[in-house]
Amino acid sequence: STTCSATGACTWSATPVTQFVTSIGTASSGTATATTIYAATRDSWCLYGNGPKIWKSTDNGVTWSLPSAANGLPANANISAIRVQPGNPNVLIALAAEGRFSSCDSPAKPASLNNGYLSTNGGQTFTQIWIPSTVSTLLQSDGTPYIEDMRFDKLNASKVWAS
């Protein structure tokens, strides 16, 4: 974690999350000590181990807990982004793809495309977000839409933008 002044001077401190971190998401509470932070991890660059995990801190990164093993995400997923709903730090989207680091496989396999996964309970469980589309160029081989990125709307937090 880091703390920076208005002039850009920063101090860094280590966190107890010791795995390979693939993404970080934050939910500002408006105070300096109560910010919720999520960190997505995997065992290492080429090791899927027990699947992806999402760690949670509710005190600005001082202490961390592992709510679960991110149930509902693909077992070999790499989480490339975490988006936290403004005003509700328990609602988050994880953008993930199976085998994102497929070059680690022998022989190498093509990486699958991103999908969005929604959690409404602070990262304990996730369900895949389905976006209906009839445009064939936007669909993956299994018929589901490819999702590059998703963001919560800052003015209407129940609205999600996807590309």
C-alpha atoms as a PDB file:
ATOM      1  CA  SER A   1       0.000   0.000   0.000  1.00  0.00           C
ATOM      2  CA  THR A   2       1.059   3.584  -0.392  1.00  0.00           C
ATOM      3  CA  THR A   3       0.253   6.953   1.122  1.00  0.00           C
ATOM      4  CA  CYS A   4       0.870  10.076  -0.942  1.00  0.00           C
ATOM      5  CA  SER A   5       0.722  13.767  -0.116  1.00  0.00           C
ATOM      6  CA  ALA A   6      -0.768  16.444  -2.354  1.00  0.00           C
ATOM      7  CA  THR A   7       2.742  17.160  -3.661  1.00  0.00           C
ATOM      8  CA  GLY A   8       3.214  13.557  -4.796  1.00  0.00           C
ATOM      9  CA  ALA A   9       5.609  12.461  -2.042  1.00  0.00           C
ATOM     10  CA  CYS A  10       4.752   8.829  -1.250  1.00  0.00           C
ATOM     11  CA  THR A  11       5.604   6.270   1.399  1.00  0.00           C
ATOM     12  CA  TRP A  12       5.131   2.536   0.759  1.00  0.00           C
ATOM     13  CA  SER A  13       4.376  -0.322   3.132  1.00  0.00           C
ATOM     14  CA  ALA A  14       4.033  -4.060   2.542  1.00  0.00           C
ATOM     15  CA  THR A  15       0.757  -5.930   2.984  1.00  0.00           C
ATOM     16  CA  PRO A  16       0.307  -9.476   4.310  1.00  0.00           C
ATOM     17  CA  VAL A  17      -0.965 -10.643   0.891  1.00  0.00           C
ATOM     18  CA  THR A  18       2.025 -12.672  -0.304  1.00  0.00           C
ATOM     19  CA  GLN A  19       0.624 -14.310  -3.433  1.00  0.00           C
ATOM     20  CA  PHE A  20       0.922 -13.052  -7.030  1.00  0.00           C
ATOM     21  CA  VAL A  21      -1.461 -10.045  -7.185  1.00  0.00           C
ATOM     22  CA  THR A  22      -3.212  -9.648 -10.551  1.00  0.00           C
ATOM     23  CA  SER A  23      -5.569  -6.750  -9.779  1.00  0.00           C
ATOM     24  CA  ILE A  24      -6.602  -4.256  -7.100  1.00  0.00           C
ATOM     25  CA  GLY A  25      -9.995  -2.573  -6.621  1.00  0.00           C
ATOM     26  CA  THR A  26     -10.879   0.148  -4.107  1.00  0.00           C
ATOM     27  CA  ALA A  27     -14.060   1.597  -2.637  1.00  0.00           C
ATOM     28  CA  SER A  28     -13.519   4.987  -1.048  1.00  0.00           C
ATOM     29  CA  SER A  29     -15.445   5.578   2.143  1.00  0.00           C
ATOM     30  CA  GLY A  30     -14.555   9.251   2.363  1.00  0.00           C
ATOM     31  CA  THR A  31     -12.230   8.665   5.304  1.00  0.00           C
ATOM     32  CA  ALA A  32      -8.509   7.975   5.332  1.00  0.00           C
ATOM     33  CA  THR A  33      -8.786   4.852   7.491  1.00  0.00           C
ATOM     34  CA  ALA A  34     -11.891   2.960   6.322  1.00  0.00           C
ATOM     35  CA  THR A  35     -11.317   2.456   2.599  1.00  0.00           C
ATOM     36  CA  THR A  36     -12.228  -1.048   1.384  1.00  0.00           C
ATOM     37  CA  ILE A  37      -9.612  -2.616  -0.874  1.00  0.00           C
ATOM     38  CA  TYR A  38      -9.779  -5.885  -2.817  1.00  0.00           C
ATOM     39  CA  ALA A  39      -6.709  -7.713  -4.144  1.00  0.00           C
ATOM     40  CA  ALA A  40      -7.087 -10.587  -6.603  1.00  0.00           C
ATOM     41  CA  THR A  41      -4.357 -13.212  -6.345  1.00  0.00           C
ATOM     42  CA  ARG A  42      -3.175 -16.523  -7.736  1.00  0.00           C
ATOM     43  CA  ASP A  43      -0.378 -18.750  -6.467  1.00  0.00           C
ATOM     44  CA  SER A  44       2.191 -17.497  -9.009  1.00  0.00           C
ATOM     45  CA  TRP A  45       2.563 -16.483 -12.659  1.00  0.00           C
ATOM     46  CA  CYS A  46       2.173 -20.012 -14.039  1.00  0.00           C
ATOM     47  CA  LEU A  47       0.629 -21.819 -11.074  1.00  0.00           C
ATOM     48  CA  TYR A  48      -3.145 -21.989 -10.757  1.00  0.00           C
ATOM     49  CA  GLY A  49      -3.032 -23.927  -7.476  1.00  0.00           C
ATOM     50  CA  ASN A  50      -6.369 -23.711  -5.705  1.00  0.00           C
ATOM     51  CA  GLY A  51      -7.838 -21.148  -8.109  1.00  0.00           C
ATOM     52  CA  PRO A  52      -8.071 -17.388  -7.874  1.00  0.00           C
ATOM     53  CA  LYS A  53      -8.587 -15.687  -4.546  1.00  0.00           C
ATOM     54  CA  ILE A  54      -9.868 -12.240  -3.670  1.00  0.00           C
ATOM     55  CA  TRP A  55      -8.523 -10.724  -0.462  1.00  0.00           C
ATOM     56  CA  LYS A  56     -10.384  -7.905   1.318  1.00  0.00           C
ATOM     57  CA  SER A  57      -9.250  -5.089   3.589  1.00  0.00           C
ATOM     58  CA  THR A  58     -11.715  -2.714   5.255  1.00  0.00           C
ATOM     59  CA  ASP A  59      -9.082  -0.585   6.995  1.00  0.00           C
ATOM     60  CA  ASN A  60      -7.146   0.875   4.081  1.00  0.00           C
ATOM     61  CA  GLY A  61      -4.854  -2.146   3.678  1.00  0.00           C
ATOM     62  CA  VAL A  62      -3.673  -2.491   7.279  1.00  0.00           C
ATOM     63  CA  THR A  63      -5.268  -5.930   7.761  1.00  0.00           C
ATOM     64  CA  TRP A  64      -6.538  -8.410   5.150  1.00  0.00           C
ATOM     65  CA  SER A  65      -8.990 -11.324   5.154  1.00  0.00           C
ATOM     66  CA  LEU A  66      -9.816 -13.980   2.608  1.00  0.00           C
ATOM     67  CA  PRO A  67     -13.643 -14.074   2.442  1.00  0.00           C
ATOM     68  CA  SER A  68     -13.534 -17.245   0.325  1.00  0.00           C
ATOM     69  CA  ALA A  69     -11.774 -18.850  -2.599  1.00  0.00           C
ATOM     70  CA  ALA A  70     -13.872 -16.655  -4.924  1.00  0.00           C
ATOM     71  CA  ASN A  71     -16.569 -19.283  -5.526  1.00  0.00           C
ATOM     72  CA  GLY A  72     -18.160 -18.978  -8.965  1.00  0.00           C
ATOM     73  CA  LEU A  73     -15.008 -17.903 -10.810  1.00  0.00           C
ATOM     74  CA  PRO A  74     -13.313 -20.341 -13.220  1.00  0.00           C
ATOM     75  CA  ALA A  75     -10.763 -22.474 -11.325  1.00  0.00           C
ATOM     76  CA  ASN A  76      -7.859 -21.372 -13.522  1.00  0.00           C
ATOM     77  CA  ALA A  77      -8.984 -17.773 -14.029  1.00  0.00           C
ATOM     78  CA  ASN A  78      -6.734 -14.774 -14.009  1.00  0.00           C
ATOM     79  CA  ILE A  79      -8.581 -11.742 -12.657  1.00  0.00           C
ATOM     80  CA  SER A  80      -7.495  -8.786 -14.762  1.00  0.00           C
ATOM     81  CA  ALA A  81      -9.643  -6.120 -13.058  1.00  0.00           C
ATOM     82  CA  ILE A  82     -11.826  -5.521 -10.027  1.00  0.00           C
ATOM     83  CA  ARG A  83     -14.525  -2.839 -10.164  1.00  0.00           C
ATOM     84  CA  VAL A  84     -16.259  -1.832  -6.904  1.00  0.00           C
ATOM     85  CA  GLN A  85     -19.716  -0.248  -6.943  1.00  0.00           C
ATOM     86  CA  PRO A  86     -19.627   3.388  -5.748  1.00  0.00           C
ATOM     87  CA  GLY A  87     -21.321   3.672  -2.361  1.00  0.00           C
ATOM     88  CA  ASN A  88     -21.493  -0.100  -1.804  1.00  0.00           C
ATOM     89  CA  PRO A  89     -18.126  -1.762  -1.129  1.00  0.00           C
ATOM     90  CA  ASN A  90     -19.715  -5.248  -0.975  1.00  0.00           C
ATOM     91  CA  VAL A  91     -20.757  -5.170  -4.658  1.00  0.00           C
ATOM     92  CA  LEU A  92     -17.950  -5.812  -7.110  1.00  0.00           C
ATOM     93  CA  ILE A  93     -17.262  -7.067 -10.597  1.00  0.00           C
ATOM     94  CA  ALA A  94     -14.263  -9.257 -11.377  1.00  0.00           C
ATOM     95  CA  LEU A  95     -13.139  -9.361 -15.000  1.00  0.00           C
ATOM     96  CA  ALA A  96     -11.553 -12.740 -15.547  1.00  0.00           C
ATOM     97  CA  ALA A  97     -10.459 -15.118 -18.259  1.00  0.00           C
ATOM     98  CA  GLU A  98      -9.596 -18.786 -17.981  1.00  0.00           C
ATOM     99  CA  GLY A  99      -5.986 -19.594 -18.772  1.00  0.00           C
ATOM    100  CA  ARG A 100      -4.975 -15.963 -19.294  1.00  0.00           C
ATOM    101  CA  PHE A 101      -1.369 -17.056 -18.861  1.00  0.00           C
ATOM    102  CA  SER A 102      -1.776 -19.933 -21.299  1.00  0.00           C
ATOM    103  CA  SER A 103       1.838 -19.610 -22.461  1.00  0.00           C
ATOM    104  CA  CYS A 104       2.639 -21.493 -19.251  1.00  0.00           C
ATOM    105  CA  ASP A 105       0.896 -24.583 -20.622  1.00  0.00           C
ATOM    106  CA  SER A 106       2.773 -27.104 -22.696  1.00  0.00           C
ATOM    107  CA  PRO A 107       1.817 -27.100 -25.453  1.00  0.00           C
ATOM    108  CA  ALA A 108       0.588 -23.500 -25.247  1.00  0.00           C
ATOM    109  CA  LYS A 109      -3.177 -23.057 -25.562  1.00  0.00           C
ATOM    110  CA  PRO A 110      -4.976 -19.932 -26.733  1.00  0.00           C
ATOM    111  CA  ALA A 111      -6.226 -17.828 -23.845  1.00  0.00           C
ATOM    112  CA  SER A 112      -9.966 -17.510 -23.495  1.00  0.00           C
ATOM    113  CA  LEU A 113     -11.640 -14.135 -23.579  1.00  0.00           C
ATOM    114  CA  ASN A 114     -12.730 -12.014 -20.622  1.00  0.00           C
ATOM    115  CA  ASN A 115     -16.035 -12.426 -18.866  1.00  0.00           C
ATOM    116  CA  GLY A 116     -17.537 -10.344 -16.073  1.00  0.00           C
ATOM    117  CA  TYR A 117     -18.501 -11.900 -12.735  1.00  0.00           C
ATOM    118  CA  LEU A 118     -20.661 -10.142 -10.121  1.00  0.00           C
ATOM    119  CA  SER A 119     -20.432 -10.476  -6.343  1.00  0.00           C
ATOM    120  CA  THR A 120     -22.986  -8.842  -4.053  1.00  0.00           C
ATOM    121  CA  ASN A 121     -21.476 -10.224  -0.837  1.00  0.00           C
ATOM    122  CA  GLY A 122     -17.961  -8.787  -0.694  1.00  0.00           C
ATOM    123  CA  GLY A 123     -16.274 -11.358  -2.934  1.00  0.00           C
ATOM    124  CA  GLN A 124     -17.543 -14.514  -1.246  1.00  0.00           C
ATOM    125  CA  THR A 125     -19.441 -15.758  -4.310  1.00  0.00           C
ATOM    126  CA  PHE A 126     -19.660 -14.686  -7.954  1.00  0.00           C
ATOM    127  CA  THR A 127     -22.102 -15.231 -10.797  1.00  0.00           C
ATOM    128  CA  GLN A 128     -21.259 -14.681 -14.439  1.00  0.00           C
ATOM    129  CA  ILE A 129     -22.744 -11.569 -16.038  1.00  0.00           C
ATOM    130  CA  TRP A 130     -24.594 -12.376 -19.250  1.00  0.00           C
ATOM    131  CA  ILE A 131     -25.016  -9.661 -21.857  1.00  0.00           C
ATOM    132  CA  PRO A 132     -27.389 -10.678 -24.648  1.00  0.00           C
ATOM    133  CA  SER A 133     -26.163  -9.917 -28.153  1.00  0.00           C
ATOM    134  CA  THR A 134     -27.172 -10.875 -31.654  1.00  0.00           C
ATOM    135  CA  VAL A 135     -24.024  -9.418 -33.224  1.00  0.00           C
ATOM    136  CA  SER A 136     -21.966 -12.494 -34.152  1.00  0.00           C
ATOM    137  CA  THR A 137     -18.618 -10.663 -34.099  1.00  0.00           C
ATOM    138  CA  LEU A 138     -19.162  -9.842 -30.410  1.00  0.00           C
ATOM    139  CA  LEU A 139     -19.716 -13.471 -29.418  1.00  0.00           C
ATOM    140  CA  GLN A 140     -17.240 -16.057 -28.193  1.00  0.00           C
ATOM    141  CA  SER A 141     -17.261 -19.606 -29.529  1.00  0.00           C
ATOM    142  CA  ASP A 142     -19.689 -20.699 -26.776  1.00  0.00           C
ATOM    143  CA  GLY A 143     -22.171 -17.981 -27.822  1.00  0.00           C
ATOM    144  CA  THR A 144     -21.506 -15.664 -24.869  1.00  0.00           C
ATOM    145  CA  PRO A 145     -20.429 -12.065 -25.495  1.00  0.00           C
ATOM    146  CA  TYR A 146     -16.790 -11.118 -25.089  1.00  0.00           C
ATOM    147  CA  ILE A 147     -16.364  -8.446 -22.397  1.00  0.00           C
ATOM    148  CA  GLU A 148     -13.209  -6.332 -22.464  1.00  0.00           C
ATOM    149  CA  ASP A 149     -14.076  -4.030 -19.575  1.00  0.00           C
ATOM    150  CA  MET A 150     -16.904  -3.061 -17.242  1.00  0.00           C
ATOM    151  CA  ARG A 151     -17.414  -0.011 -15.023  1.00  0.00           C
ATOM    152  CA  PHE A 152     -20.093   1.128 -12.614  1.00  0.00           C
ATOM    153  CA  ASP A 153     -21.689   4.449 -13.571  1.00  0.00           C
ATOM    154  CA  LYS A 154     -20.610   7.123 -11.071  1.00  0.00           C
ATOM    155  CA  LEU A 155     -23.968   8.910 -11.142  1.00  0.00           C
ATOM    156  CA  ASN A 156     -26.194   5.818 -11.151  1.00  0.00           C
ATOM    157  CA  ALA A 157     -24.357   3.038  -9.326  1.00  0.00           C
ATOM    158  CA  SER A 158     -26.931   0.416 -10.364  1.00  0.00           C
ATOM    159  CA  LYS A 159     -25.955   0.950 -14.017  1.00  0.00           C
ATOM    160  CA  VAL A 160     -22.949  -0.889 -15.478  1.00  0.00           C
ATOM    161  CA  TRP A 161     -21.105   0.076 -18.648  1.00  0.00           C
ATOM    162  CA  ALA A 162     -19.521  -2.723 -20.691  1.00  0.00           C
ATOM    163  CA  SER A 163     -17.327  -2.836 -23.759  1.00  0.00           C
END
